[in-house]
Amino acid sequence: MSKTYIPQNYHTPLSVYEMQRAIEFIKSNFQVNLSNALNLRRVSAPLFVEENSGLNDNLNGVERPVSFDIPDVHTNAQVVQSLAKWKRLALKRYQFNVGKGLFTDMNAIRRDEEVDNLHSVYVDQWDWEKVIAAEDRNVDYLKRTVRDIVNAIAETSEALNVAFPSLHAKLPRDVFFITTQELEDQYPTLTPKQREDAVCREHGVVFLMQIGKLLKSGIKHDGRAPDYDDWDLNGDILYWNPVLERAFEVSSMGIRVDPESLDRQLTLAGCDDRRKLPFHKMLLNNELPLTMGGGIGQSRLCMLMIGTVHIGEVQVSLWDEETRKTYEDAGILLL
């Protein structure tokens, strides 16, 4: 059985029909708020990429992408796990200038995902990427962008509460910034996830920075592929989720690697073989624009704003029969 949790006395906040209306409201409103805040334009995105292009996201390096052959094209393809690298190449191909960016609906399959209240094998998120100047590759610019995203989330949630008066989520705008090392220093006896719970419970919304680096304890707070985020200039946006009573990640983002940081991180991660891939060659040769970007979970935002306990209440996917039956007995429909 998948790991699941149902709080005592929990009831789905909306009827099935009203739930679909609320999901549509969130998705249509947030993408407008996000594009206005970050100066983004919508583009089309691939569902799959060529296997040997180096464009697929390797995530933590252990997840198996869904692969298939295309006889007519004489190649093998992989369903995307995220668009972190593709977006950067698209900004070059589509001739975006500094200060402008793109966003898109990203639909992915992560077959090895451990399914629980927050995770599904189907991933839906807004992927965004923006061209930046060399002088913008700094923590201050990163923090300013995080604040813009958090404000866009809060604006959407406030509008949702007006449109659906039975919903009462109040999402904070004041972001607390902390690095993974500072968090470990503050809570040295806790696990990484327990540290996230503690800091989010106290501050409401947190941007946890510098993910992927080794901490003083000799472990990483969490894994991050070496070839898209600069580990010194990235992070996760985390909210305190009062329904689940835990930290709740809605976005992974960061300023992307430049040739110098890519060279360093490939070596640290033992991934020097990737230097031969087309995408990585272009990046190391300084042929791609400097960018920042991230992904913002669509179903995650719906869960947070509507107040659902399981991602299956707002997203259609596959669930094991025991989990489905457990929720059905509790009067909760998993789509």
Protein backbone atom coordinates (compact mmCIF):
# COMPACT_ATOMS: atom_id res chain seq x y z
CA MET A 1 0.00 0.00 0.00
CA SER A 2 1.23 3.53 -0.76
CA LYS A 3 2.00 5.75 2.19
CA THR A 4 -1.12 7.77 2.96
CA TYR A 5 -2.41 9.97 5.72
CA ILE A 6 -5.96 11.14 6.48
CA PRO A 7 -6.35 13.65 9.34
CA GLN A 8 -9.11 12.95 11.81
CA ASN A 9 -12.44 14.56 10.85
CA TYR A 10 -11.13 15.55 7.39
CA HIS A 11 -13.71 16.14 4.66
CA THR A 12 -13.06 17.10 1.05
CA PRO A 13 -13.53 20.91 0.95
CA LEU A 14 -15.62 21.00 -2.26
CA SER A 15 -17.98 18.78 -4.22
CA VAL A 16 -16.47 17.00 -7.23
CA TYR A 17 -18.00 19.51 -9.64
CA GLU A 18 -16.96 22.56 -7.61
CA MET A 19 -13.49 21.07 -7.20
CA GLN A 20 -13.04 21.07 -10.98
CA ARG A 21 -14.19 24.69 -11.15
CA ALA A 22 -11.72 25.68 -8.44
CA ILE A 23 -8.84 23.86 -10.15
CA GLU A 24 -9.61 25.66 -13.42
CA PHE A 25 -9.78 28.99 -11.57
CA ILE A 26 -6.39 28.47 -9.94
CA LYS A 27 -4.64 27.35 -13.12
CA SER A 28 -6.01 30.11 -15.33
CA ASN A 29 -5.42 32.88 -12.77
CA PHE A 30 -2.01 31.88 -11.48
CA GLN A 31 -0.37 31.63 -14.88
CA VAL A 32 -1.47 35.20 -15.63
CA ASN A 33 -0.16 36.43 -12.28
CA LEU A 34 3.13 34.57 -12.75
CA SER A 35 3.71 35.78 -16.32
CA ASN A 36 3.01 39.38 -15.31
CA ALA A 37 5.31 39.18 -12.28
CA LEU A 38 8.29 37.71 -14.15
CA ASN A 39 7.69 39.02 -17.70
CA LEU A 40 7.07 35.58 -19.20
CA ARG A 41 5.41 34.44 -22.42
CA ARG A 42 3.70 31.10 -22.91
CA VAL A 43 5.27 28.58 -25.33
CA SER A 44 4.59 24.99 -26.34
CA ALA A 45 6.73 22.28 -24.77
CA PRO A 46 7.74 18.70 -25.63
CA LEU A 47 6.34 15.59 -24.00
CA PHE A 48 9.50 13.67 -24.92
CA VAL A 49 13.07 14.37 -26.05
CA GLU A 50 15.75 12.40 -27.88
CA GLU A 51 17.50 9.98 -25.55
CA ASN A 52 21.06 11.09 -26.35
CA SER A 53 20.41 14.83 -26.46
CA GLY A 54 21.26 15.43 -22.81
CA LEU A 55 18.05 17.49 -22.51
CA ASN A 56 16.14 15.25 -20.12
CA ASP A 57 16.35 16.03 -16.42
CA ASN A 58 18.26 13.34 -14.54
CA LEU A 59 16.68 14.47 -11.24
CA ASN A 60 18.66 12.66 -8.51
CA GLY A 61 20.38 10.39 -11.02
CA VAL A 62 18.60 7.18 -10.03
CA GLU A 63 15.12 7.63 -11.52
CA ARG A 64 14.45 5.63 -14.70
CA PRO A 65 12.95 7.70 -17.53
CA VAL A 66 10.18 6.15 -19.61
CA SER A 67 11.81 5.29 -22.95
CA PHE A 68 10.51 4.15 -26.32
CA ASP A 69 11.76 3.82 -29.88
CA ILE A 70 10.48 5.81 -32.88
CA PRO A 71 11.20 3.65 -35.94
CA ASP A 72 10.34 6.31 -38.53
CA VAL A 73 12.73 8.81 -36.97
CA HIS A 74 15.43 6.18 -36.30
CA THR A 75 15.92 7.21 -32.71
CA ASN A 76 15.00 6.44 -29.12
CA ALA A 77 12.99 8.95 -27.09
CA GLN A 78 12.44 9.61 -23.39
CA VAL A 79 9.35 11.07 -21.77
CA VAL A 80 10.54 14.19 -19.98
CA GLN A 81 11.10 14.11 -16.22
CA SER A 82 11.27 17.91 -16.24
CA LEU A 83 12.13 20.64 -18.74
CA ALA A 84 14.98 22.24 -16.80
CA LYS A 85 17.46 21.97 -19.68
CA TRP A 86 15.08 22.14 -22.64
CA LYS A 87 13.82 25.57 -21.55
CA ARG A 88 17.29 27.09 -21.64
CA LEU A 89 17.88 25.86 -25.16
CA ALA A 90 14.41 27.11 -26.16
CA LEU A 91 15.27 30.64 -24.96
CA LYS A 92 18.20 30.65 -27.39
CA ARG A 93 16.23 29.17 -30.29
CA TYR A 94 13.23 31.46 -29.76
CA GLN A 95 15.52 34.53 -29.47
CA PHE A 96 14.41 35.77 -26.04
CA ASN A 97 16.30 38.84 -24.80
CA VAL A 98 17.63 39.64 -21.31
CA GLY A 99 14.77 40.27 -18.86
CA LYS A 100 12.26 38.17 -20.81
CA GLY A 101 11.30 34.55 -20.33
CA LEU A 102 8.94 31.72 -21.12
CA PHE A 103 6.56 29.48 -19.24
CA THR A 104 4.79 26.32 -20.27
CA ASP A 105 2.65 23.46 -19.02
CA MET A 106 5.03 20.62 -18.24
CA ASN A 107 3.58 17.12 -18.09
CA ALA A 108 5.95 14.36 -17.02
CA ILE A 109 5.98 10.72 -15.98
CA ARG A 110 8.21 9.69 -13.07
CA ARG A 111 7.78 5.95 -12.90
CA ASP A 112 9.94 5.49 -9.79
CA GLU A 113 8.16 8.11 -7.68
CA GLU A 114 7.15 6.88 -4.23
CA VAL A 115 3.41 7.53 -4.27
CA ASP A 116 1.86 9.15 -1.18
CA ASN A 117 -0.31 12.13 -0.25
CA LEU A 118 1.96 14.53 -2.16
CA HIS A 119 3.45 12.41 -4.91
CA SER A 120 2.10 10.85 -8.09
CA VAL A 121 3.79 9.19 -11.04
CA TYR A 122 2.23 11.98 -13.12
CA VAL A 123 3.78 15.42 -12.70
CA ASP A 124 2.07 18.63 -13.79
CA GLN A 125 3.75 21.95 -13.26
CA TRP A 126 4.35 25.37 -14.70
CA ASP A 127 7.92 25.33 -15.95
CA TRP A 128 9.43 28.77 -16.45
CA GLU A 129 12.80 30.11 -17.55
CA LYS A 130 14.11 33.66 -17.97
CA VAL A 131 17.20 35.20 -19.59
CA ILE A 132 19.25 37.20 -17.10
CA ALA A 133 22.35 39.38 -17.27
CA ALA A 134 25.69 38.28 -15.81
CA GLU A 135 25.35 40.85 -13.01
CA ASP A 136 22.04 39.23 -11.97
CA ARG A 137 23.69 35.95 -11.01
CA ASN A 138 23.52 36.76 -7.30
CA VAL A 139 21.51 35.99 -4.18
CA ASP A 140 19.71 39.35 -4.12
CA TYR A 141 18.25 38.81 -7.59
CA LEU A 142 17.25 35.26 -6.63
CA LYS A 143 15.47 36.48 -3.49
CA ARG A 144 13.65 39.23 -5.39
CA THR A 145 12.32 36.69 -7.88
CA VAL A 146 11.19 34.38 -5.06
CA ARG A 147 9.22 37.23 -3.50
CA ASP A 148 7.55 37.94 -6.85
CA ILE A 149 6.46 34.28 -7.14
CA VAL A 150 5.17 34.13 -3.56
CA ASN A 151 3.15 37.32 -4.15
CA ALA A 152 1.65 35.80 -7.32
CA ILE A 153 0.64 32.72 -5.31
CA ALA A 154 -0.92 34.86 -2.56
CA GLU A 155 -2.86 36.97 -5.08
CA THR A 156 -4.28 33.84 -6.70
CA SER A 157 -5.27 32.36 -3.35
CA GLU A 158 -7.00 35.55 -2.25
CA ALA A 159 -8.97 35.71 -5.50
CA LEU A 160 -9.93 32.03 -5.11
CA ASN A 161 -11.32 32.68 -1.62
CA VAL A 162 -13.55 35.42 -3.04
CA ALA A 163 -14.81 33.18 -5.85
CA PHE A 164 -15.32 30.21 -3.48
CA PRO A 165 -16.37 31.62 -0.07
CA SER A 166 -16.19 28.22 1.63
CA LEU A 167 -12.39 28.22 1.14
CA HIS A 168 -10.28 30.07 3.69
CA ALA A 169 -6.59 29.39 3.00
CA LYS A 170 -4.46 32.37 4.01
CA LEU A 171 -1.06 32.17 2.38
CA PRO A 172 1.66 34.48 3.73
CA ARG A 173 3.66 36.91 1.60
CA ASP A 174 6.63 37.47 3.94
CA VAL A 175 9.26 34.90 2.88
CA PHE A 176 11.85 33.62 5.35
CA PHE A 177 15.21 32.89 3.67
CA ILE A 178 17.66 30.32 5.07
CA THR A 179 20.41 28.10 3.64
CA THR A 180 20.53 24.34 4.10
CA GLN A 181 23.70 24.72 6.20
CA GLU A 182 22.10 27.35 8.44
CA LEU A 183 19.12 25.03 8.86
CA GLU A 184 21.38 22.09 9.80
CA ASP A 185 23.22 24.31 12.29
CA GLN A 186 19.89 25.32 13.84
CA TYR A 187 18.49 21.77 14.06
CA PRO A 188 21.55 19.44 14.09
CA THR A 189 19.71 16.46 15.60
CA LEU A 190 16.80 16.47 13.12
CA THR A 191 16.56 14.83 9.71
CA PRO A 192 16.39 17.13 6.66
CA LYS A 193 12.61 16.71 6.37
CA GLN A 194 12.12 17.31 10.09
CA ARG A 195 14.15 20.52 9.77
CA GLU A 196 11.86 21.67 6.95
CA ASP A 197 8.81 20.97 9.12
CA ALA A 198 10.28 22.95 12.02
CA VAL A 199 11.23 26.04 10.03
CA CYS A 200 7.99 26.12 8.03
CA ARG A 201 5.85 25.69 11.15
CA GLU A 202 7.55 28.78 12.57
CA HIS A 203 7.66 31.02 9.50
CA GLY A 204 4.78 29.96 7.20
CA VAL A 205 6.63 30.30 3.89
CA VAL A 206 10.35 29.60 3.52
CA PHE A 207 12.87 29.70 0.70
CA LEU A 208 15.45 27.03 1.53
CA MET A 209 18.65 27.84 -0.35
CA GLN A 210 21.75 26.01 -1.58
CA ILE A 211 20.37 22.53 -2.24
CA GLY A 212 22.71 19.92 -3.71
CA LYS A 213 25.86 20.81 -1.77
CA LEU A 214 27.43 18.64 0.89
CA LEU A 215 26.77 19.96 4.39
CA LYS A 216 29.23 19.98 7.28
CA SER A 217 27.66 16.74 8.48
CA GLY A 218 28.84 15.06 5.28
CA ILE A 219 25.35 14.60 3.83
CA LYS A 220 23.24 16.59 1.38
CA HIS A 221 19.99 18.15 2.48
CA ASP A 222 18.53 16.86 -0.79
CA GLY A 223 19.79 15.83 -4.19
CA ARG A 224 19.99 18.17 -7.17
CA ALA A 225 21.32 17.38 -10.64
CA PRO A 226 24.67 19.08 -11.32
CA ASP A 227 23.82 20.45 -14.75
CA TYR A 228 20.96 22.90 -14.35
CA ASP A 229 20.93 24.76 -10.99
CA ASP A 230 23.97 26.49 -9.56
CA TRP A 231 24.07 24.87 -6.10
CA ASP A 232 25.07 28.22 -4.55
CA LEU A 233 22.11 30.03 -6.15
CA ASN A 234 19.09 27.74 -5.94
CA GLY A 235 16.40 26.63 -3.52
CA ASP A 236 12.90 25.37 -2.78
CA ILE A 237 9.80 27.38 -1.90
CA LEU A 238 8.18 25.65 1.08
CA TYR A 239 4.88 26.42 2.83
CA TRP A 240 3.51 25.17 6.10
CA ASN A 241 0.52 22.99 5.18
CA PRO A 242 -2.01 23.10 8.06
CA VAL A 243 -4.08 20.20 6.66
CA LEU A 244 -1.14 17.79 6.49
CA GLU A 245 0.75 19.53 9.32
CA ARG A 246 4.04 19.45 7.50
CA ALA A 247 6.33 21.41 5.20
CA PHE A 248 4.97 21.50 1.66
CA GLU A 249 7.20 22.14 -1.36
CA VAL A 250 5.55 24.00 -4.24
CA SER A 251 8.59 25.00 -6.27
CA SER A 252 12.18 24.04 -7.01
CA MET A 253 14.08 26.85 -8.73
CA GLY A 254 17.36 28.65 -9.12
CA ILE A 255 19.86 30.56 -11.16
CA ARG A 256 21.26 28.13 -13.69
CA VAL A 257 24.84 26.97 -14.07
CA ASP A 258 27.27 29.00 -16.12
CA PRO A 259 30.27 27.27 -17.77
CA GLU A 260 32.39 27.62 -14.62
CA SER A 261 29.83 26.24 -12.15
CA LEU A 262 28.81 23.46 -14.56
CA ASP A 263 32.43 22.38 -14.91
CA ARG A 264 32.84 22.31 -11.12
CA GLN A 265 29.56 20.53 -10.36
CA LEU A 266 30.00 17.84 -13.02
CA THR A 267 33.31 16.92 -11.41
CA LEU A 268 31.92 16.99 -7.86
CA ALA A 269 28.99 14.79 -8.88
CA GLY A 270 31.16 12.32 -10.81
CA CYS A 271 29.27 13.09 -14.02
CA ASP A 272 32.13 14.08 -16.31
CA ASP A 273 30.75 11.76 -19.00
CA ARG A 274 27.96 14.30 -19.63
CA ARG A 275 30.49 16.76 -21.05
CA LYS A 276 30.17 14.92 -24.38
CA LEU A 277 26.41 15.50 -24.71
CA PRO A 278 25.21 18.21 -27.14
CA PHE A 279 23.51 20.38 -24.50
CA HIS A 280 26.48 20.28 -22.16
CA LYS A 281 28.95 21.05 -24.95
CA MET A 282 26.96 24.16 -25.85
CA LEU A 283 26.84 25.28 -22.23
CA LEU A 284 30.56 24.70 -21.59
CA ASN A 285 31.35 26.61 -24.79
CA ASN A 286 29.27 29.56 -23.54
CA GLU A 287 26.78 29.17 -26.41
CA LEU A 288 23.63 29.35 -24.25
CA PRO A 289 22.16 32.41 -22.50
CA LEU A 290 22.51 32.91 -18.75
CA THR A 291 19.17 32.04 -17.21
CA MET A 292 17.20 31.34 -14.08
CA GLY A 293 14.09 29.22 -13.82
CA GLY A 294 12.09 26.61 -12.00
CA GLY A 295 9.00 24.51 -11.77
CA ILE A 296 5.84 25.28 -9.79
CA GLY A 297 3.59 22.32 -9.08
CA GLN A 298 0.09 22.81 -10.45
CA SER A 299 -1.55 20.10 -8.36
CA ARG A 300 0.54 21.13 -5.36
CA LEU A 301 -0.79 24.70 -5.56
CA CYS A 302 -4.34 23.38 -5.92
CA MET A 303 -3.89 21.20 -2.83
CA LEU A 304 -2.54 24.12 -0.81
CA MET A 305 -5.14 26.69 -1.86
CA ILE A 306 -8.18 24.39 -1.73
CA GLY A 307 -7.02 22.51 1.37
CA THR A 308 -7.08 18.90 0.18
CA VAL A 309 -5.27 16.08 1.92
CA HIS A 310 -4.29 14.01 -1.14
CA ILE A 311 -2.96 14.98 -4.55
CA GLY A 312 -5.44 12.54 -6.07
CA GLU A 313 -8.30 14.86 -5.11
CA VAL A 314 -7.03 17.42 -7.63
CA GLN A 315 -5.19 15.27 -10.18
CA VAL A 316 -6.02 12.20 -12.27
CA SER A 317 -3.45 9.42 -11.90
CA LEU A 318 -3.14 5.76 -10.90
CA TRP A 319 -3.37 4.64 -7.29
CA ASP A 320 -3.07 1.19 -5.77
CA GLU A 321 -6.37 -0.45 -4.91
CA GLU A 322 -5.81 -0.48 -1.15
CA THR A 323 -5.17 3.27 -1.10
CA ARG A 324 -8.18 3.97 -3.27
CA LYS A 325 -10.39 1.82 -1.02
CA THR A 326 -9.06 3.51 2.15
CA TYR A 327 -9.99 6.93 0.80
CA GLU A 328 -13.30 5.75 -0.58
CA ASP A 329 -14.26 4.41 2.87
CA ALA A 330 -13.40 7.86 4.27
CA GLY A 331 -15.69 9.52 1.72
CA ILE A 332 -12.78 10.93 -0.33
CA LEU A 333 -12.72 10.50 -4.11
CA LEU A 334 -9.33 10.00 -5.75
CA LEU A 335 -9.57 11.02 -9.40
